[in-house]
Amino acid sequence: MRRFLGRLRARLRAFLRPEPYRIRTGQHRVPSEVSPLTADEQKIVDDFHKLYYRDRVDGRQTVLLSWFGHRILKCPFDIWTYQELIFETKPELIVECGTRYGGGALYLASLLDLRGGPGAVMTIDITAMKNRPMHPRINYVIGSTLDAEIVAKVRAAAAGKRTMVILDSDHSAAQVAGELKIYPEFVTPGCYLIVDDTDLGGHPVLPEHGPGPTEALDEWYPTQSDFVIDPSRERFMLSLNPRGYLKRVR
C-alpha cells in the first residue's frame, strides 16, 4: 500500500507540475563568417536603423516587444541571436546586468526550458519593478552590478558553470566601463559576453546620449586578449549591439 501511495503521489505531482516541453535539437548551424557590408550598404542599414529606432517605444514600438505578455526592450534580430548562442554554447548560467521589466529574463529562462537540462538566469537591477514574471530558473538580484556584495554573489553562482553574460544596465560609458572590469572574468571560454545598446551615442542613433557602451568597449577591448568581437552575430545587419557580441576564446 505504501508503494502504491508513493506512485500515486508521484503521478499527481507530474500532472500538476508537468515537465516543460523540450525541443529535439537539429543539426543546422548558422554561418561562422559573414562578408562585411560595403559603405553604401552600411549607409542603408544605418538609415534604416535610425528610422527603426525613432519609433522604439511610441507608435510602432519597434523595440518595446512582448514575450508572453511581458515587456522586453530588445530588437527581434538580437534576441533571435541570443537563442542561437544559447543553443550553440549551452550556458548553464546566464548573468543579465539590467532587468527592467523582467521580460528579457523570462525569454532567456524560456529558452533554457526548451533546451532542457540545467540552466539558470541571474538578473541584476537596482530597482525591483512591479509585476515581474516569476519563473523557477530566474533569480532576481536587487542592487548595483558594481556593488562588491552583488559581484560576490555572481562569482559564487558562476563557479564551475558555463556562463554567458549580458551587459544591459545603465548605458553610460562609466557604468559599462566598470562592468567590463568585472564581468568578463565570469564568461566561460567558448561562451559570449554581450554588450547591449552599443548603437547609442551616434553609433548610429541618439548622438545626444553622449558617451555610452561603445566608448567603454573601445577603451577596454584593446587592453585584453581573451575576447574577440564576432561580426557573424550581426548577420541580420540590423542590431542594437553593433560590435557588441564578444566570444571568449581562451
Protein backbone atom coordinates (compact mmCIF):
# COMPACT_ATOMS: atom_id res chain seq x y z
CA MET A 1 0.00 0.00 0.00
CA ARG A 2 2.79 2.41 0.86
CA ARG A 3 4.44 1.78 -2.52
CA PHE A 4 1.12 2.30 -4.29
CA LEU A 5 0.51 5.59 -2.49
CA GLY A 6 4.03 6.73 -3.36
CA ARG A 7 3.47 6.07 -7.08
CA LEU A 8 0.10 7.81 -6.91
CA ARG A 9 1.63 10.91 -5.32
CA ALA A 10 4.38 10.96 -7.96
CA ARG A 11 1.84 10.78 -10.77
CA LEU A 12 -0.24 13.51 -9.16
CA ARG A 13 2.81 15.79 -8.88
CA ALA A 14 3.68 15.14 -12.52
CA PHE A 15 0.11 16.00 -13.52
CA LEU A 16 0.01 19.19 -11.50
CA ARG A 17 3.57 20.26 -12.41
CA PRO A 18 4.37 18.74 -15.78
CA GLU A 19 7.93 18.81 -17.09
CA PRO A 20 8.49 21.66 -19.57
CA TYR A 21 8.46 20.65 -23.19
CA ARG A 22 11.91 20.08 -24.63
CA ILE A 23 12.67 20.52 -28.30
CA ARG A 24 14.58 17.80 -30.07
CA THR A 25 17.51 19.74 -31.50
CA GLY A 26 18.59 19.64 -35.13
CA GLN A 27 21.88 19.79 -36.99
CA HIS A 28 21.69 23.16 -38.77
CA ARG A 29 24.41 25.65 -37.86
CA VAL A 30 24.47 29.34 -38.70
CA PRO A 31 27.41 30.77 -40.67
CA SER A 32 30.52 31.48 -38.63
CA GLU A 33 31.68 34.18 -41.06
CA VAL A 34 29.83 36.88 -42.97
CA SER A 35 31.02 39.28 -45.65
CA PRO A 36 31.35 42.88 -44.47
CA LEU A 37 28.89 45.39 -45.88
CA THR A 38 30.04 47.90 -48.44
CA ALA A 39 29.99 51.59 -47.50
CA ASP A 40 26.77 52.08 -49.49
CA GLU A 41 25.14 49.04 -47.85
CA GLN A 42 26.17 50.22 -44.39
CA LYS A 43 24.61 53.63 -45.06
CA ILE A 44 21.32 51.93 -45.98
CA VAL A 45 21.44 49.89 -42.77
CA ASP A 46 22.29 52.96 -40.68
CA ASP A 47 19.47 54.98 -42.22
CA PHE A 48 17.01 52.18 -41.54
CA HIS A 49 18.41 51.80 -38.02
CA LYS A 50 17.64 55.47 -37.32
CA LEU A 51 14.13 55.10 -38.73
CA TYR A 52 13.57 51.89 -36.77
CA TYR A 53 14.82 53.44 -33.53
CA ARG A 54 12.73 56.59 -33.90
CA ASP A 55 9.55 54.66 -33.00
CA ARG A 56 11.22 52.41 -30.45
CA VAL A 57 8.71 52.84 -27.58
CA ASP A 58 5.98 55.03 -29.09
CA GLY A 59 3.90 54.42 -32.17
CA ARG A 60 5.17 51.18 -33.71
CA GLN A 61 7.05 50.19 -30.52
CA THR A 62 9.81 48.60 -32.57
CA VAL A 63 11.98 47.93 -29.51
CA LEU A 64 9.26 47.55 -26.85
CA LEU A 65 8.47 43.92 -27.54
CA SER A 66 6.22 41.42 -25.78
CA TRP A 67 7.23 37.95 -24.62
CA PHE A 68 4.10 36.10 -23.44
CA GLY A 69 2.62 39.43 -22.38
CA HIS A 70 5.72 40.70 -20.55
CA ARG A 71 7.59 43.72 -21.84
CA ILE A 72 11.08 43.25 -23.21
CA LEU A 73 13.24 46.06 -24.61
CA LYS A 74 15.14 44.35 -27.40
CA CYS A 75 15.43 44.10 -31.16
CA PRO A 76 13.91 40.88 -32.55
CA PHE A 77 17.09 40.20 -34.54
CA ASP A 78 19.16 40.38 -31.35
CA ILE A 79 17.00 38.10 -29.24
CA TRP A 80 16.96 35.61 -32.12
CA THR A 81 20.76 35.74 -31.98
CA TYR A 82 20.56 35.11 -28.23
CA GLN A 83 18.63 31.93 -28.99
CA GLU A 84 21.28 30.74 -31.42
CA LEU A 85 24.04 31.46 -28.92
CA ILE A 86 22.30 29.57 -26.14
CA PHE A 87 21.79 26.54 -28.38
CA GLU A 88 25.38 26.58 -29.62
CA THR A 89 27.29 27.37 -26.42
CA LYS A 90 24.97 25.69 -23.88
CA PRO A 91 25.45 28.02 -20.90
CA GLU A 92 24.36 26.75 -17.50
CA LEU A 93 24.17 30.29 -16.11
CA ILE A 94 23.20 33.50 -17.88
CA VAL A 95 24.06 36.67 -15.96
CA GLU A 96 21.91 39.60 -17.09
CA CYS A 97 23.04 43.03 -15.88
CA GLY A 98 19.86 45.11 -16.11
CA THR A 99 16.42 43.59 -15.51
CA ARG A 100 13.92 46.40 -16.15
CA TYR A 101 10.55 44.71 -16.77
CA GLY A 102 11.85 41.15 -16.49
CA GLY A 103 10.66 40.12 -19.94
CA GLY A 104 14.22 39.55 -21.10
CA ALA A 105 14.94 37.27 -18.16
CA LEU A 106 11.74 35.34 -18.87
CA TYR A 107 12.72 34.96 -22.53
CA LEU A 108 16.11 33.56 -21.54
CA ALA A 109 14.54 31.22 -18.97
CA SER A 110 12.03 30.02 -21.57
CA LEU A 111 14.86 29.13 -23.95
CA LEU A 112 16.56 27.17 -21.18
CA ASP A 113 13.30 25.32 -20.59
CA LEU A 114 13.04 24.40 -24.26
CA ARG A 115 16.65 23.28 -24.34
CA GLY A 116 16.21 21.20 -21.20
CA GLY A 117 18.81 20.29 -18.62
CA PRO A 118 20.47 22.60 -16.10
CA GLY A 119 20.29 26.33 -16.59
CA ALA A 120 19.51 29.48 -14.62
CA VAL A 121 19.25 33.22 -15.17
CA MET A 122 20.69 35.62 -12.59
CA THR A 123 19.37 39.10 -13.40
CA ILE A 124 20.53 42.21 -11.56
CA ASP A 125 18.96 45.66 -11.23
CA ILE A 126 18.91 48.48 -8.71
CA THR A 127 15.09 48.59 -8.91
CA ALA A 128 12.54 45.83 -8.36
CA MET A 129 9.78 46.76 -10.77
CA LYS A 130 6.23 45.54 -10.13
CA ASN A 131 4.71 42.54 -11.89
CA ARG A 132 7.99 40.97 -12.91
CA PRO A 133 7.42 37.46 -14.27
CA MET A 134 8.15 34.60 -11.91
CA HIS A 135 9.97 31.51 -13.15
CA PRO A 136 11.90 28.81 -11.28
CA ARG A 137 15.01 29.43 -13.39
CA ILE A 138 15.12 33.19 -12.66
CA ASN A 139 17.00 34.61 -9.68
CA TYR A 140 16.24 38.33 -9.25
CA VAL A 141 19.05 40.23 -7.52
CA ILE A 142 18.47 43.79 -6.32
CA GLY A 143 21.44 46.14 -6.25
CA SER A 144 24.15 47.70 -8.36
CA THR A 145 26.07 45.45 -10.72
CA LEU A 146 29.21 47.16 -9.42
CA ASP A 147 28.49 46.52 -5.73
CA ALA A 148 31.03 44.18 -4.13
CA GLU A 149 28.36 42.02 -2.47
CA ILE A 150 26.50 41.60 -5.76
CA VAL A 151 29.71 40.69 -7.56
CA ALA A 152 30.45 38.11 -4.87
CA LYS A 153 27.03 36.54 -5.44
CA VAL A 154 27.68 36.33 -9.17
CA ARG A 155 31.11 34.81 -8.60
CA ALA A 156 29.65 32.16 -6.32
CA ALA A 157 26.82 31.37 -8.76
CA ALA A 158 29.18 31.15 -11.74
CA ALA A 159 31.74 28.89 -10.08
CA GLY A 160 32.06 25.70 -12.09
CA LYS A 161 29.29 26.63 -14.54
CA ARG A 162 29.38 27.50 -18.24
CA THR A 163 28.45 31.17 -18.06
CA MET A 164 27.23 33.80 -20.51
CA VAL A 165 26.99 37.50 -19.57
CA ILE A 166 24.78 40.27 -20.95
CA LEU A 167 25.59 43.89 -20.04
CA ASP A 168 22.33 45.84 -20.34
CA SER A 169 22.07 48.09 -17.30
CA ASP A 170 22.83 51.82 -17.20
CA HIS A 171 24.18 52.64 -20.66
CA SER A 172 26.59 55.36 -19.56
CA ALA A 173 30.23 54.89 -20.52
CA ALA A 174 31.29 54.95 -16.86
CA GLN A 175 28.85 52.20 -15.85
CA VAL A 176 29.73 49.91 -18.74
CA ALA A 177 33.44 50.53 -18.23
CA GLY A 178 33.02 49.48 -14.60
CA GLU A 179 31.20 46.31 -15.62
CA LEU A 180 33.86 45.49 -18.21
CA LYS A 181 36.45 45.47 -15.42
CA ILE A 182 34.47 42.78 -13.57
CA TYR A 183 32.09 40.62 -15.58
CA PRO A 184 34.29 39.28 -18.41
CA GLU A 185 36.04 37.03 -15.90
CA PHE A 186 32.82 35.08 -15.36
CA VAL A 187 32.40 34.20 -19.04
CA THR A 188 33.46 30.66 -19.88
CA PRO A 189 35.80 30.12 -22.87
CA GLY A 190 33.60 29.42 -25.87
CA CYS A 191 30.72 31.46 -24.43
CA TYR A 192 29.78 35.08 -25.06
CA LEU A 193 29.89 38.47 -23.43
CA ILE A 194 27.21 40.71 -24.96
CA VAL A 195 27.48 44.48 -24.62
CA ASP A 196 23.98 45.76 -25.34
CA ASP A 197 22.98 49.08 -26.90
CA THR A 198 26.30 49.96 -28.45
CA ASP A 199 24.25 51.82 -31.06
CA LEU A 200 23.74 54.72 -28.64
CA GLY A 201 25.77 57.91 -28.75
CA GLY A 202 25.62 58.24 -32.52
CA HIS A 203 26.54 54.66 -33.45
CA PRO A 204 24.31 55.41 -35.31
CA VAL A 205 21.39 56.54 -33.08
CA LEU A 206 20.87 59.12 -30.31
CA PRO A 207 24.07 61.16 -30.61
CA GLU A 208 22.68 63.32 -27.80
CA HIS A 209 23.08 60.36 -25.45
CA GLY A 210 26.79 61.10 -25.26
CA PRO A 211 29.49 58.55 -24.39
CA GLY A 212 27.97 55.14 -23.82
CA PRO A 213 28.66 51.42 -24.26
CA THR A 214 30.68 51.82 -27.46
CA GLU A 215 33.10 54.25 -25.86
CA ALA A 216 33.56 51.91 -22.88
CA LEU A 217 34.06 48.95 -25.22
CA ASP A 218 36.57 50.83 -27.36
CA GLU A 219 38.61 51.66 -24.26
CA TRP A 220 38.53 48.13 -22.82
CA TYR A 221 38.83 45.92 -25.89
CA PRO A 222 42.46 46.72 -26.84
CA THR A 223 43.63 46.03 -23.27
CA GLN A 224 42.67 42.34 -23.25
CA SER A 225 43.27 39.23 -25.37
CA ASP A 226 40.66 36.76 -24.11
CA PHE A 227 37.75 38.02 -26.23
CA VAL A 228 37.22 38.67 -29.91
CA ILE A 229 34.37 40.64 -31.48
CA ASP A 230 32.25 38.24 -33.54
CA PRO A 231 30.73 40.08 -36.55
CA SER A 232 28.89 36.92 -37.66
CA ARG A 233 26.40 37.57 -34.86
CA GLU A 234 25.29 40.67 -36.78
CA ARG A 235 24.42 38.76 -39.92
CA PHE A 236 20.87 40.18 -39.89
CA MET A 237 22.58 43.57 -40.44
CA LEU A 238 20.30 45.48 -38.03
CA SER A 239 21.46 45.07 -34.43
CA LEU A 240 21.20 47.34 -31.41
CA ASN A 241 24.54 45.85 -30.35
CA PRO A 242 27.00 46.64 -33.17
CA ARG A 243 30.41 45.15 -32.28
CA GLY A 244 28.80 44.05 -29.03
CA TYR A 245 28.97 40.25 -29.45
CA LEU A 246 32.25 39.10 -27.97
CA LYS A 247 33.33 35.46 -27.82
CA ARG A 248 35.75 34.33 -25.16
CA VAL A 249 38.47 32.40 -26.96
CA ARG A 250 40.68 31.48 -24.02
